[in-house]
Amino acid sequence: MEKQRFLCRVEKEITDHSVLKNEVPLGMEVALVQCLRCGVMGIKKLADAK
């Protein structure tokens, strides 16, 4: 499990997210991510990591 920091759409803050690349393949630069603070899941471009 890879961790990166993204803007959480629920928390409205930059938080640690778990990157789930292998579980759901979406493409080269897109991944399913889960906020480690509130648990919300979403799809993010990996280039948007802070």
PDB file of N, CA and C in Angstrom:
ATOM      1  N   MET A   1       0.853  -1.182   0.000  1.00  0.00           N
ATOM      2  CA  MET A   1       0.000   0.000   0.000  1.00  0.00           C
ATOM      3  C   MET A   1       0.897   1.244   0.000  1.00  0.00           C
ATOM      4  N   GLU A   2       0.653   2.085  -0.950  1.00  0.00           N
ATOM      5  CA  GLU A   2       1.393   3.333  -1.090  1.00  0.00           C
ATOM      6  C   GLU A   2       0.590   4.465  -0.449  1.00  0.00           C
ATOM      7  N   LYS A   3       1.273   5.396   0.213  1.00  0.00           N
ATOM      8  CA  LYS A   3       0.605   6.551   0.802  1.00  0.00           C
ATOM      9  C   LYS A   3       1.075   7.818   0.107  1.00  0.00           C
ATOM     10  N   GLN A   4       0.114   8.683  -0.222  1.00  0.00           N
ATOM     11  CA  GLN A   4       0.427  10.004  -0.770  1.00  0.00           C
ATOM     12  C   GLN A   4      -0.545  11.002  -0.166  1.00  0.00           C
ATOM     13  N   ARG A   5      -0.219  12.280  -0.293  1.00  0.00           N
ATOM     14  CA  ARG A   5      -1.067  13.325   0.266  1.00  0.00           C
ATOM     15  C   ARG A   5      -1.880  13.980  -0.850  1.00  0.00           C
ATOM     16  N   PHE A   6      -3.210  14.003  -0.655  1.00  0.00           N
ATOM     17  CA  PHE A   6      -4.135  14.626  -1.592  1.00  0.00           C
ATOM     18  C   PHE A   6      -5.092  15.521  -0.820  1.00  0.00           C
ATOM     19  N   LEU A   7      -5.774  16.399  -1.547  1.00  0.00           N
ATOM     20  CA  LEU A   7      -6.829  17.202  -0.956  1.00  0.00           C
ATOM     21  C   LEU A   7      -8.062  16.314  -0.784  1.00  0.00           C
ATOM     22  N   CYS A   8      -8.522  16.157   0.455  1.00  0.00           N
ATOM     23  CA  CYS A   8      -9.705  15.342   0.739  1.00  0.00           C
ATOM     24  C   CYS A   8     -10.954  16.166   0.445  1.00  0.00           C
ATOM     25  N   ARG A   9     -11.889  15.606  -0.299  1.00  0.00           N
ATOM     26  CA  ARG A   9     -13.097  16.351  -0.664  1.00  0.00           C
ATOM     27  C   ARG A   9     -14.070  16.497   0.487  1.00  0.00           C
ATOM     28  N   VAL A  10     -13.972  15.680   1.514  1.00  0.00           N
ATOM     29  CA  VAL A  10     -14.842  15.773   2.687  1.00  0.00           C
ATOM     30  C   VAL A  10     -14.215  16.678   3.749  1.00  0.00           C
ATOM     31  N   GLU A  11     -12.955  16.431   4.057  1.00  0.00           N
ATOM     32  CA  GLU A  11     -12.245  17.185   5.101  1.00  0.00           C
ATOM     33  C   GLU A  11     -11.863  18.595   4.640  1.00  0.00           C
ATOM     34  N   LYS A  12     -11.753  18.801   3.320  1.00  0.00           N
ATOM     35  CA  LYS A  12     -11.315  20.074   2.738  1.00  0.00           C
ATOM     36  C   LYS A  12      -9.908  20.451   3.189  1.00  0.00           C
ATOM     37  N   GLU A  13      -9.078  19.441   3.466  1.00  0.00           N
ATOM     38  CA  GLU A  13      -7.687  19.629   3.856  1.00  0.00           C
ATOM     39  C   GLU A  13      -6.825  18.615   3.116  1.00  0.00           C
ATOM     40  N   ILE A  14      -5.540  18.883   3.060  1.00  0.00           N
ATOM     41  CA  ILE A  14      -4.612  17.922   2.482  1.00  0.00           C
ATOM     42  C   ILE A  14      -4.306  16.880   3.555  1.00  0.00           C
ATOM     43  N   THR A  15      -4.613  15.607   3.249  1.00  0.00           N
ATOM     44  CA  THR A  15      -4.431  14.528   4.212  1.00  0.00           C
ATOM     45  C   THR A  15      -3.739  13.346   3.540  1.00  0.00           C
ATOM     46  N   ASP A  16      -3.282  12.401   4.338  1.00  0.00           N
ATOM     47  CA  ASP A  16      -2.691  11.162   3.802  1.00  0.00           C
ATOM     48  C   ASP A  16      -3.787  10.302   3.193  1.00  0.00           C
ATOM     49  N   HIS A  17      -3.494   9.748   2.030  1.00  0.00           N
ATOM     50  CA  HIS A  17      -4.407   8.848   1.337  1.00  0.00           C
ATOM     51  C   HIS A  17      -3.681   7.554   1.004  1.00  0.00           C
ATOM     52  N   SER A  18      -4.388   6.476   1.069  1.00  0.00           N
ATOM     53  CA  SER A  18      -3.894   5.182   0.631  1.00  0.00           C
ATOM     54  C   SER A  18      -4.181   5.066  -0.861  1.00  0.00           C
ATOM     55  N   VAL A  19      -3.167   4.718  -1.648  1.00  0.00           N
ATOM     56  CA  VAL A  19      -3.321   4.592  -3.102  1.00  0.00           C
ATOM     57  C   VAL A  19      -3.519   3.115  -3.421  1.00  0.00           C
ATOM     58  N   LEU A  20      -4.674   2.778  -4.004  1.00  0.00           N
ATOM     59  CA  LEU A  20      -5.039   1.384  -4.290  1.00  0.00           C
ATOM     60  C   LEU A  20      -4.909   1.123  -5.793  1.00  0.00           C
ATOM     61  N   LYS A  21      -3.672   1.159  -6.298  1.00  0.00           N
ATOM     62  CA  LYS A  21      -3.424   0.989  -7.735  1.00  0.00           C
ATOM     63  C   LYS A  21      -3.731  -0.419  -8.222  1.00  0.00           C
ATOM     64  N   ASN A  22      -3.310  -1.413  -7.467  1.00  0.00           N
ATOM     65  CA  ASN A  22      -3.417  -2.795  -7.930  1.00  0.00           C
ATOM     66  C   ASN A  22      -4.817  -3.372  -7.790  1.00  0.00           C
ATOM     67  N   GLU A  23      -5.615  -2.863  -6.867  1.00  0.00           N
ATOM     68  CA  GLU A  23      -6.950  -3.417  -6.636  1.00  0.00           C
ATOM     69  C   GLU A  23      -7.916  -3.084  -7.770  1.00  0.00           C
ATOM     70  N   VAL A  24      -7.835  -1.846  -8.274  1.00  0.00           N
ATOM     71  CA  VAL A  24      -8.734  -1.406  -9.349  1.00  0.00           C
ATOM     72  C   VAL A  24      -7.886  -0.683 -10.397  1.00  0.00           C
ATOM     73  N   PRO A  25      -7.472  -1.361 -11.458  1.00  0.00           N
ATOM     74  CA  PRO A  25      -6.650  -0.706 -12.478  1.00  0.00           C
ATOM     75  C   PRO A  25      -7.478   0.298 -13.292  1.00  0.00           C
ATOM     76  N   LEU A  26      -7.066   1.566 -13.277  1.00  0.00           N
ATOM     77  CA  LEU A  26      -7.817   2.625 -13.961  1.00  0.00           C
ATOM     78  C   LEU A  26      -7.017   3.293 -15.068  1.00  0.00           C
ATOM     79  N   GLY A  27      -5.751   3.014 -15.153  1.00  0.00           N
ATOM     80  CA  GLY A  27      -4.922   3.660 -16.168  1.00  0.00           C
ATOM     81  C   GLY A  27      -3.564   3.990 -15.588  1.00  0.00           C
ATOM     82  N   MET A  28      -2.735   4.607 -16.398  1.00  0.00           N
ATOM     83  CA  MET A  28      -1.355   4.866 -16.002  1.00  0.00           C
ATOM     84  C   MET A  28      -1.234   5.901 -14.890  1.00  0.00           C
ATOM     85  N   GLU A  29      -1.925   6.997 -14.975  1.00  0.00           N
ATOM     86  CA  GLU A  29      -1.748   8.097 -14.028  1.00  0.00           C
ATOM     87  C   GLU A  29      -2.977   8.348 -13.160  1.00  0.00           C
ATOM     88  N   VAL A  30      -3.882   7.375 -13.071  1.00  0.00           N
ATOM     89  CA  VAL A  30      -5.117   7.518 -12.297  1.00  0.00           C
ATOM     90  C   VAL A  30      -5.210   6.346 -11.329  1.00  0.00           C
ATOM     91  N   ALA A  31      -5.671   6.629 -10.103  1.00  0.00           N
ATOM     92  CA  ALA A  31      -5.765   5.550  -9.117  1.00  0.00           C
ATOM     93  C   ALA A  31      -6.938   5.786  -8.172  1.00  0.00           C
ATOM     94  N   LEU A  32      -7.437   4.710  -7.616  1.00  0.00           N
ATOM     95  CA  LEU A  32      -8.429   4.769  -6.551  1.00  0.00           C
ATOM     96  C   LEU A  32      -7.685   5.081  -5.261  1.00  0.00           C
ATOM     97  N   VAL A  33      -8.152   6.091  -4.515  1.00  0.00           N
ATOM     98  CA  VAL A  33      -7.493   6.482  -3.267  1.00  0.00           C
ATOM     99  C   VAL A  33      -8.515   6.509  -2.141  1.00  0.00           C
ATOM    100  N   GLN A  34      -8.025   6.305  -0.914  1.00  0.00           N
ATOM    101  CA  GLN A  34      -8.880   6.349   0.268  1.00  0.00           C
ATOM    102  C   GLN A  34      -8.220   7.233   1.311  1.00  0.00           C
ATOM    103  N   CYS A  35      -8.972   8.203   1.818  1.00  0.00           N
ATOM    104  CA  CYS A  35      -8.469   9.089   2.862  1.00  0.00           C
ATOM    105  C   CYS A  35      -8.268   8.280   4.138  1.00  0.00           C
ATOM    106  N   LEU A  36      -7.097   8.423   4.739  1.00  0.00           N
ATOM    107  CA  LEU A  36      -6.802   7.675   5.952  1.00  0.00           C
ATOM    108  C   LEU A  36      -7.380   8.351   7.193  1.00  0.00           C
ATOM    109  N   ARG A  37      -7.906   9.565   7.052  1.00  0.00           N
ATOM    110  CA  ARG A  37      -8.516  10.251   8.191  1.00  0.00           C
ATOM    111  C   ARG A  37     -10.016   9.985   8.274  1.00  0.00           C
ATOM    112  N   CYS A  38     -10.734  10.184   7.165  1.00  0.00           N
ATOM    113  CA  CYS A  38     -12.202  10.039   7.220  1.00  0.00           C
ATOM    114  C   CYS A  38     -12.721   8.792   6.505  1.00  0.00           C
ATOM    115  N   GLY A  39     -11.902   8.167   5.633  1.00  0.00           N
ATOM    116  CA  GLY A  39     -12.293   6.925   4.983  1.00  0.00           C
ATOM    117  C   GLY A  39     -12.963   7.066   3.635  1.00  0.00           C
ATOM    118  N   VAL A  40     -13.226   8.294   3.180  1.00  0.00           N
ATOM    119  CA  VAL A  40     -13.884   8.482   1.890  1.00  0.00           C
ATOM    120  C   VAL A  40     -12.952   8.007   0.774  1.00  0.00           C
ATOM    121  N   MET A  41     -13.543   7.410  -0.273  1.00  0.00           N
ATOM    122  CA  MET A  41     -12.777   6.918  -1.415  1.00  0.00           C
ATOM    123  C   MET A  41     -13.086   7.764  -2.640  1.00  0.00           C
ATOM    124  N   GLY A  42     -12.121   7.861  -3.520  1.00  0.00           N
ATOM    125  CA  GLY A  42     -12.301   8.625  -4.745  1.00  0.00           C
ATOM    126  C   GLY A  42     -11.251   8.254  -5.767  1.00  0.00           C
ATOM    127  N   ILE A  43     -11.372   8.854  -6.933  1.00  0.00           N
ATOM    128  CA  ILE A  43     -10.430   8.619  -8.026  1.00  0.00           C
ATOM    129  C   ILE A  43      -9.650   9.909  -8.222  1.00  0.00           C
ATOM    130  N   LYS A  44      -8.338   9.789  -8.206  1.00  0.00           N
ATOM    131  CA  LYS A  44      -7.470  10.968  -8.315  1.00  0.00           C
ATOM    132  C   LYS A  44      -6.388  10.727  -9.366  1.00  0.00           C
ATOM    133  N   LYS A  45      -5.947  11.816  -9.992  1.00  0.00           N
ATOM    134  CA  LYS A  45      -4.766  11.764 -10.832  1.00  0.00           C
ATOM    135  C   LYS A  45      -3.556  11.769  -9.918  1.00  0.00           C
ATOM    136  N   LEU A  46      -2.608  10.894 -10.151  1.00  0.00           N
ATOM    137  CA  LEU A  46      -1.425  10.800  -9.306  1.00  0.00           C
ATOM    138  C   LEU A  46      -0.580  12.074  -9.383  1.00  0.00           C
ATOM    139  N   ALA A  47      -0.698  12.827 -10.450  1.00  0.00           N
ATOM    140  CA  ALA A  47       0.050  14.083 -10.587  1.00  0.00           C
ATOM    141  C   ALA A  47      -0.488  15.155  -9.632  1.00  0.00           C
ATOM    142  N   ASP A  48      -1.704  14.975  -9.094  1.00  0.00           N
ATOM    143  CA  ASP A  48      -2.301  15.953  -8.176  1.00  0.00           C
ATOM    144  C   ASP A  48      -1.830  15.792  -6.744  1.00  0.00           C
ATOM    145  N   ALA A  49      -0.951  14.825  -6.476  1.00  0.00           N
ATOM    146  CA  ALA A  49      -0.454  14.604  -5.102  1.00  0.00           C
ATOM    147  C   ALA A  49       0.321  15.825  -4.647  1.00  0.00           C
ATOM    148  N   LYS A  50       0.179  16.148  -3.377  1.00  0.00           N
ATOM    149  CA  LYS A  50       0.850  17.331  -2.800  1.00  0.00           C
ATOM    150  C   LYS A  50       2.141  16.934  -2.142  1.00  0.00           C
TER     151      LYS A  50
END
